[in-house]
Amino acid sequence: MTDTALRDAANLEQPERPGSAFAPFLRCCRCIVSLYERWLQRQDLAELEDHLLRDIGISPHEVARECAKPFWRR
């Protein structure tokens, strides 16, 4: 299941209603989805070739530093 399908399936884009019993659960789900998306972005960045990194102005050293971060760190 893709991350967008996961988000759609959980209906996480809908604003939570005040006083909803599911509000803490939805916040937790949003956090998990956000962490997963960050991990996916770093995986994609790690796979870029050097010439593409030069095109976007990022050095391989910067990529290595970013990809070495744990998924919970921004």
PDB file of N, CA and C in Angstrom:
ATOM      1  N   MET A   1       0.847  -1.161   0.000  1.00  0.00           N
ATOM      2  CA  MET A   1       0.000   0.000   0.000  1.00  0.00           C
ATOM      3  C   MET A   1       0.904   1.240   0.000  1.00  0.00           C
ATOM      4  N   THR A   2       0.642   2.161  -0.866  1.00  0.00           N
ATOM      5  CA  THR A   2       1.453   3.376  -0.931  1.00  0.00           C
ATOM      6  C   THR A   2       1.096   4.301   0.213  1.00  0.00           C
ATOM      7  N   ASP A   3       1.986   5.259   0.453  1.00  0.00           N
ATOM      8  CA  ASP A   3       1.734   6.172   1.571  1.00  0.00           C
ATOM      9  C   ASP A   3       0.479   7.005   1.347  1.00  0.00           C
ATOM     10  N   THR A   4       0.193   7.397   0.098  1.00  0.00           N
ATOM     11  CA  THR A   4      -1.035   8.162  -0.151  1.00  0.00           C
ATOM     12  C   THR A   4      -2.259   7.280   0.037  1.00  0.00           C
ATOM     13  N   ALA A   5      -2.164   6.021  -0.351  1.00  0.00           N
ATOM     14  CA  ALA A   5      -3.284   5.106  -0.148  1.00  0.00           C
ATOM     15  C   ALA A   5      -3.509   4.873   1.341  1.00  0.00           C
ATOM     16  N   LEU A   6      -2.418   4.788   2.089  1.00  0.00           N
ATOM     17  CA  LEU A   6      -2.536   4.628   3.541  1.00  0.00           C
ATOM     18  C   LEU A   6      -3.221   5.829   4.156  1.00  0.00           C
ATOM     19  N   ARG A   7      -2.826   7.024   3.730  1.00  0.00           N
ATOM     20  CA  ARG A   7      -3.420   8.249   4.256  1.00  0.00           C
ATOM     21  C   ARG A   7      -4.899   8.329   3.889  1.00  0.00           C
ATOM     22  N   ASP A   8      -5.223   7.977   2.637  1.00  0.00           N
ATOM     23  CA  ASP A   8      -6.618   8.020   2.208  1.00  0.00           C
ATOM     24  C   ASP A   8      -7.455   6.981   2.948  1.00  0.00           C
ATOM     25  N   ALA A   9      -6.885   5.806   3.153  1.00  0.00           N
ATOM     26  CA  ALA A   9      -7.625   4.738   3.811  1.00  0.00           C
ATOM     27  C   ALA A   9      -7.946   5.102   5.251  1.00  0.00           C
ATOM     28  N   ALA A  10      -7.023   5.781   5.906  1.00  0.00           N
ATOM     29  CA  ALA A  10      -7.253   6.163   7.298  1.00  0.00           C
ATOM     30  C   ALA A  10      -8.007   7.481   7.397  1.00  0.00           C
ATOM     31  N   ASN A  11      -8.239   8.127   6.263  1.00  0.00           N
ATOM     32  CA  ASN A  11      -8.959   9.401   6.215  1.00  0.00           C
ATOM     33  C   ASN A  11      -8.294  10.431   7.130  1.00  0.00           C
ATOM     34  N   LEU A  12      -6.968  10.510   7.048  1.00  0.00           N
ATOM     35  CA  LEU A  12      -6.209  11.351   7.966  1.00  0.00           C
ATOM     36  C   LEU A  12      -6.206  12.815   7.576  1.00  0.00           C
ATOM     37  N   GLU A  13      -6.654  13.123   6.383  1.00  0.00           N
ATOM     38  CA  GLU A  13      -6.638  14.517   5.950  1.00  0.00           C
ATOM     39  C   GLU A  13      -7.831  15.299   6.483  1.00  0.00           C
ATOM     40  N   GLN A  14      -8.798  14.619   7.032  1.00  0.00           N
ATOM     41  CA  GLN A  14      -9.976  15.293   7.561  1.00  0.00           C
ATOM     42  C   GLN A  14      -9.633  15.939   8.889  1.00  0.00           C
ATOM     43  N   PRO A  15     -10.080  17.162   9.100  1.00  0.00           N
ATOM     44  CA  PRO A  15      -9.816  17.801  10.391  1.00  0.00           C
ATOM     45  C   PRO A  15     -10.548  17.059  11.504  1.00  0.00           C
ATOM     46  N   GLU A  16      -9.900  16.969  12.638  1.00  0.00           N
ATOM     47  CA  GLU A  16     -10.543  16.274  13.748  1.00  0.00           C
ATOM     48  C   GLU A  16     -11.546  17.194  14.433  1.00  0.00           C
ATOM     49  N   ARG A  17     -12.594  16.611  14.915  1.00  0.00           N
ATOM     50  CA  ARG A  17     -13.614  17.382  15.618  1.00  0.00           C
ATOM     51  C   ARG A  17     -13.214  17.523  17.077  1.00  0.00           C
ATOM     52  N   PRO A  18     -13.406  18.702  17.638  1.00  0.00           N
ATOM     53  CA  PRO A  18     -13.082  18.875  19.060  1.00  0.00           C
ATOM     54  C   PRO A  18     -13.882  17.903  19.912  1.00  0.00           C
ATOM     55  N   GLY A  19     -13.229  17.295  20.860  1.00  0.00           N
ATOM     56  CA  GLY A  19     -13.916  16.376  21.749  1.00  0.00           C
ATOM     57  C   GLY A  19     -14.082  14.981  21.183  1.00  0.00           C
ATOM     58  N   SER A  20     -13.545  14.740  20.007  1.00  0.00           N
ATOM     59  CA  SER A  20     -13.671  13.428  19.405  1.00  0.00           C
ATOM     60  C   SER A  20     -12.831  12.418  20.181  1.00  0.00           C
ATOM     61  N   ALA A  21     -13.381  11.247  20.393  1.00  0.00           N
ATOM     62  CA  ALA A  21     -12.651  10.195  21.099  1.00  0.00           C
ATOM     63  C   ALA A  21     -11.494   9.680  20.264  1.00  0.00           C
ATOM     64  N   PHE A  22     -11.543   9.906  18.960  1.00  0.00           N
ATOM     65  CA  PHE A  22     -10.507   9.407  18.071  1.00  0.00           C
ATOM     66  C   PHE A  22      -9.396  10.416  17.826  1.00  0.00           C
ATOM     67  N   ALA A  23      -9.504  11.612  18.382  1.00  0.00           N
ATOM     68  CA  ALA A  23      -8.514  12.661  18.127  1.00  0.00           C
ATOM     69  C   ALA A  23      -7.088  12.228  18.473  1.00  0.00           C
ATOM     70  N   PRO A  24      -6.831  11.628  19.628  1.00  0.00           N
ATOM     71  CA  PRO A  24      -5.454  11.196  19.920  1.00  0.00           C
ATOM     72  C   PRO A  24      -4.965  10.118  18.951  1.00  0.00           C
ATOM     73  N   PHE A  25      -5.860   9.217  18.582  1.00  0.00           N
ATOM     74  CA  PHE A  25      -5.492   8.176  17.626  1.00  0.00           C
ATOM     75  C   PHE A  25      -5.143   8.770  16.270  1.00  0.00           C
ATOM     76  N   LEU A  26      -5.932   9.735  15.805  1.00  0.00           N
ATOM     77  CA  LEU A  26      -5.666  10.374  14.521  1.00  0.00           C
ATOM     78  C   LEU A  26      -4.352  11.152  14.555  1.00  0.00           C
ATOM     79  N   ARG A  27      -4.053  11.825  15.662  1.00  0.00           N
ATOM     80  CA  ARG A  27      -2.769  12.534  15.779  1.00  0.00           C
ATOM     81  C   ARG A  27      -1.616  11.546  15.710  1.00  0.00           C
ATOM     82  N   CYS A  28      -1.773  10.413  16.358  1.00  0.00           N
ATOM     83  CA  CYS A  28      -0.737   9.375  16.329  1.00  0.00           C
ATOM     84  C   CYS A  28      -0.556   8.844  14.907  1.00  0.00           C
ATOM     85  N   CYS A  29      -1.656   8.607  14.208  1.00  0.00           N
ATOM     86  CA  CYS A  29      -1.577   8.122  12.825  1.00  0.00           C
ATOM     87  C   CYS A  29      -0.904   9.144  11.919  1.00  0.00           C
ATOM     88  N   ARG A  30      -1.237  10.422  12.103  1.00  0.00           N
ATOM     89  CA  ARG A  30      -0.607  11.470  11.297  1.00  0.00           C
ATOM     90  C   ARG A  30       0.890  11.508  11.540  1.00  0.00           C
ATOM     91  N   CYS A  31       1.279  11.353  12.783  1.00  0.00           N
ATOM     92  CA  CYS A  31       2.697  11.352  13.125  1.00  0.00           C
ATOM     93  C   CYS A  31       3.411  10.170  12.461  1.00  0.00           C
ATOM     94  N   ILE A  32       2.818   9.003  12.520  1.00  0.00           N
ATOM     95  CA  ILE A  32       3.417   7.818  11.908  1.00  0.00           C
ATOM     96  C   ILE A  32       3.543   7.990  10.398  1.00  0.00           C
ATOM     97  N   VAL A  33       2.508   8.509   9.768  1.00  0.00           N
ATOM     98  CA  VAL A  33       2.546   8.743   8.316  1.00  0.00           C
ATOM     99  C   VAL A  33       3.638   9.754   7.979  1.00  0.00           C
ATOM    100  N   SER A  34       3.754  10.793   8.776  1.00  0.00           N
ATOM    101  CA  SER A  34       4.786  11.808   8.548  1.00  0.00           C
ATOM    102  C   SER A  34       6.187  11.212   8.664  1.00  0.00           C
ATOM    103  N   LEU A  35       6.410  10.378   9.668  1.00  0.00           N
ATOM    104  CA  LEU A  35       7.714   9.734   9.846  1.00  0.00           C
ATOM    105  C   LEU A  35       8.023   8.802   8.679  1.00  0.00           C
ATOM    106  N   TYR A  36       7.013   8.068   8.231  1.00  0.00           N
ATOM    107  CA  TYR A  36       7.195   7.158   7.103  1.00  0.00           C
ATOM    108  C   TYR A  36       7.517   7.927   5.818  1.00  0.00           C
ATOM    109  N   GLU A  37       6.815   9.030   5.588  1.00  0.00           N
ATOM    110  CA  GLU A  37       7.087   9.848   4.401  1.00  0.00           C
ATOM    111  C   GLU A  37       8.506  10.407   4.442  1.00  0.00           C
ATOM    112  N   ARG A  38       8.966  10.840   5.618  1.00  0.00           N
ATOM    113  CA  ARG A  38      10.336  11.346   5.762  1.00  0.00           C
ATOM    114  C   ARG A  38      11.346  10.246   5.428  1.00  0.00           C
ATOM    115  N   TRP A  39      11.086   9.034   5.915  1.00  0.00           N
ATOM    116  CA  TRP A  39      11.975   7.911   5.630  1.00  0.00           C
ATOM    117  C   TRP A  39      12.018   7.628   4.123  1.00  0.00           C
ATOM    118  N   LEU A  40      10.843   7.651   3.483  1.00  0.00           N
ATOM    119  CA  LEU A  40      10.787   7.417   2.032  1.00  0.00           C
ATOM    120  C   LEU A  40      11.554   8.492   1.259  1.00  0.00           C
ATOM    121  N   GLN A  41      11.429   9.741   1.665  1.00  0.00           N
ATOM    122  CA  GLN A  41      12.135  10.830   0.994  1.00  0.00           C
ATOM    123  C   GLN A  41      13.640  10.647   1.106  1.00  0.00           C
ATOM    124  N   ARG A  42      14.106  10.236   2.265  1.00  0.00           N
ATOM    125  CA  ARG A  42      15.547  10.006   2.426  1.00  0.00           C
ATOM    126  C   ARG A  42      16.018   8.817   1.605  1.00  0.00           C
ATOM    127  N   GLN A  43      15.186   7.797   1.484  1.00  0.00           N
ATOM    128  CA  GLN A  43      15.538   6.662   0.630  1.00  0.00           C
ATOM    129  C   GLN A  43      15.647   7.101  -0.830  1.00  0.00           C
ATOM    130  N   ASP A  44      14.708   7.915  -1.267  1.00  0.00           N
ATOM    131  CA  ASP A  44      14.747   8.427  -2.645  1.00  0.00           C
ATOM    132  C   ASP A  44      15.970   9.302  -2.875  1.00  0.00           C
ATOM    133  N   LEU A  45      16.295  10.134  -1.907  1.00  0.00           N
ATOM    134  CA  LEU A  45      17.474  10.999  -2.015  1.00  0.00           C
ATOM    135  C   LEU A  45      18.749  10.172  -2.113  1.00  0.00           C
ATOM    136  N   ALA A  46      18.830   9.103  -1.347  1.00  0.00           N
ATOM    137  CA  ALA A  46      20.018   8.246  -1.354  1.00  0.00           C
ATOM    138  C   ALA A  46      20.218   7.564  -2.707  1.00  0.00           C
ATOM    139  N   GLU A  47      19.148   7.375  -3.453  1.00  0.00           N
ATOM    140  CA  GLU A  47      19.231   6.679  -4.730  1.00  0.00           C
ATOM    141  C   GLU A  47      19.556   7.591  -5.909  1.00  0.00           C
ATOM    142  N   LEU A  48      19.553   8.907  -5.693  1.00  0.00           N
ATOM    143  CA  LEU A  48      19.845   9.820  -6.798  1.00  0.00           C
ATOM    144  C   LEU A  48      21.311   9.704  -7.227  1.00  0.00           C
ATOM    145  N   GLU A  49      21.519   9.798  -8.526  1.00  0.00           N
ATOM    146  CA  GLU A  49      22.869   9.741  -9.070  1.00  0.00           C
ATOM    147  C   GLU A  49      23.558  11.095  -8.898  1.00  0.00           C
ATOM    148  N   ASP A  50      24.897  11.075  -8.977  1.00  0.00           N
ATOM    149  CA  ASP A  50      25.689  12.285  -8.732  1.00  0.00           C
ATOM    150  C   ASP A  50      25.315  13.439  -9.661  1.00  0.00           C
ATOM    151  N   HIS A  51      25.061  13.146 -10.930  1.00  0.00           N
ATOM    152  CA  HIS A  51      24.740  14.242 -11.854  1.00  0.00           C
ATOM    153  C   HIS A  51      23.398  14.890 -11.507  1.00  0.00           C
ATOM    154  N   LEU A  52      22.473  14.113 -10.981  1.00  0.00           N
ATOM    155  CA  LEU A  52      21.194  14.683 -10.555  1.00  0.00           C
ATOM    156  C   LEU A  52      21.363  15.521  -9.285  1.00  0.00           C
ATOM    157  N   LEU A  53      22.236  15.064  -8.399  1.00  0.00           N
ATOM    158  CA  LEU A  53      22.513  15.840  -7.190  1.00  0.00           C
ATOM    159  C   LEU A  53      23.140  17.187  -7.554  1.00  0.00           C
ATOM    160  N   ARG A  54      24.047  17.183  -8.521  1.00  0.00           N
ATOM    161  CA  ARG A  54      24.657  18.443  -8.973  1.00  0.00           C
ATOM    162  C   ARG A  54      23.597  19.372  -9.553  1.00  0.00           C
ATOM    163  N   ASP A  55      22.626  18.807 -10.280  1.00  0.00           N
ATOM    164  CA  ASP A  55      21.557  19.615 -10.872  1.00  0.00           C
ATOM    165  C   ASP A  55      20.738  20.344  -9.812  1.00  0.00           C
ATOM    166  N   ILE A  56      20.519  19.699  -8.689  1.00  0.00           N
ATOM    167  CA  ILE A  56      19.715  20.339  -7.642  1.00  0.00           C
ATOM    168  C   ILE A  56      20.570  21.021  -6.586  1.00  0.00           C
ATOM    169  N   GLY A  57      21.886  20.978  -6.760  1.00  0.00           N
ATOM    170  CA  GLY A  57      22.784  21.724  -5.885  1.00  0.00           C
ATOM    171  C   GLY A  57      23.066  21.085  -4.540  1.00  0.00           C
ATOM    172  N   ILE A  58      23.059  19.768  -4.484  1.00  0.00           N
ATOM    173  CA  ILE A  58      23.346  19.054  -3.239  1.00  0.00           C
ATOM    174  C   ILE A  58      24.573  18.177  -3.461  1.00  0.00           C
ATOM    175  N   SER A  59      25.482  18.221  -2.516  1.00  0.00           N
ATOM    176  CA  SER A  59      26.697  17.404  -2.633  1.00  0.00           C
ATOM    177  C   SER A  59      26.427  15.995  -2.089  1.00  0.00           C
ATOM    178  N   PRO A  60      27.203  15.013  -2.549  1.00  0.00           N
ATOM    179  CA  PRO A  60      27.061  13.653  -1.992  1.00  0.00           C
ATOM    180  C   PRO A  60      27.307  13.621  -0.481  1.00  0.00           C
ATOM    181  N   HIS A  61      28.177  14.516   0.006  1.00  0.00           N
ATOM    182  CA  HIS A  61      28.432  14.590   1.446  1.00  0.00           C
ATOM    183  C   HIS A  61      27.162  15.020   2.190  1.00  0.00           C
ATOM    184  N   GLU A  62      26.452  15.987   1.662  1.00  0.00           N
ATOM    185  CA  GLU A  62      25.195  16.441   2.286  1.00  0.00           C
ATOM    186  C   GLU A  62      24.136  15.336   2.265  1.00  0.00           C
ATOM    187  N   VAL A  63      24.096  14.574   1.174  1.00  0.00           N
ATOM    188  CA  VAL A  63      23.146  13.463   1.069  1.00  0.00           C
ATOM    189  C   VAL A  63      23.467  12.414   2.124  1.00  0.00           C
ATOM    190  N   ALA A  64      24.745  12.081   2.258  1.00  0.00           N
ATOM    191  CA  ALA A  64      25.144  11.080   3.247  1.00  0.00           C
ATOM    192  C   ALA A  64      24.779  11.532   4.658  1.00  0.00           C
ATOM    193  N   ARG A  65      25.001  12.812   4.949  1.00  0.00           N
ATOM    194  CA  ARG A  65      24.668  13.342   6.272  1.00  0.00           C
ATOM    195  C   ARG A  65      23.153  13.284   6.513  1.00  0.00           C
ATOM    196  N   GLU A  66      22.374  13.657   5.516  1.00  0.00           N
ATOM    197  CA  GLU A  66      20.912  13.648   5.662  1.00  0.00           C
ATOM    198  C   GLU A  66      20.386  12.217   5.815  1.00  0.00           C
ATOM    199  N   CYS A  67      20.914  11.306   5.024  1.00  0.00           N
ATOM    200  CA  CYS A  67      20.428   9.924   5.055  1.00  0.00           C
ATOM    201  C   CYS A  67      20.879   9.172   6.302  1.00  0.00           C
ATOM    202  N   ALA A  68      21.897   9.674   6.982  1.00  0.00           N
ATOM    203  CA  ALA A  68      22.364   9.037   8.211  1.00  0.00           C
ATOM    204  C   ALA A  68      21.482   9.384   9.408  1.00  0.00           C
ATOM    205  N   LYS A  69      20.631  10.372   9.254  1.00  0.00           N
ATOM    206  CA  LYS A  69      19.755  10.772  10.350  1.00  0.00           C
ATOM    207  C   LYS A  69      18.693   9.695  10.598  1.00  0.00           C
ATOM    208  N   PRO A  70      18.309   9.498  11.837  1.00  0.00           N
ATOM    209  CA  PRO A  70      17.184   8.578  12.102  1.00  0.00           C
ATOM    210  C   PRO A  70      15.884   9.175  11.559  1.00  0.00           C
ATOM    211  N   PHE A  71      14.919   8.322  11.280  1.00  0.00           N
ATOM    212  CA  PHE A  71      13.683   8.773  10.625  1.00  0.00           C
ATOM    213  C   PHE A  71      12.895   9.765  11.475  1.00  0.00           C
ATOM    214  N   TRP A  72      13.101   9.755  12.772  1.00  0.00           N
ATOM    215  CA  TRP A  72      12.325  10.670  13.621  1.00  0.00           C
ATOM    216  C   TRP A  72      12.932  12.061  13.699  1.00  0.00           C
ATOM    217  N   ARG A  73      14.137  12.239  13.145  1.00  0.00           N
ATOM    218  CA  ARG A  73      14.784  13.532  13.171  1.00  0.00           C
ATOM    219  C   ARG A  73      14.525  14.294  11.897  1.00  0.00           C
ATOM    220  N   ARG A  74      14.291  15.592  12.032  1.00  0.00           N
ATOM    221  CA  ARG A  74      14.065  16.423  10.849  1.00  0.00           C
ATOM    222  C   ARG A  74      15.364  16.827  10.227  1.00  0.00           C
TER     223      ARG A  74
END
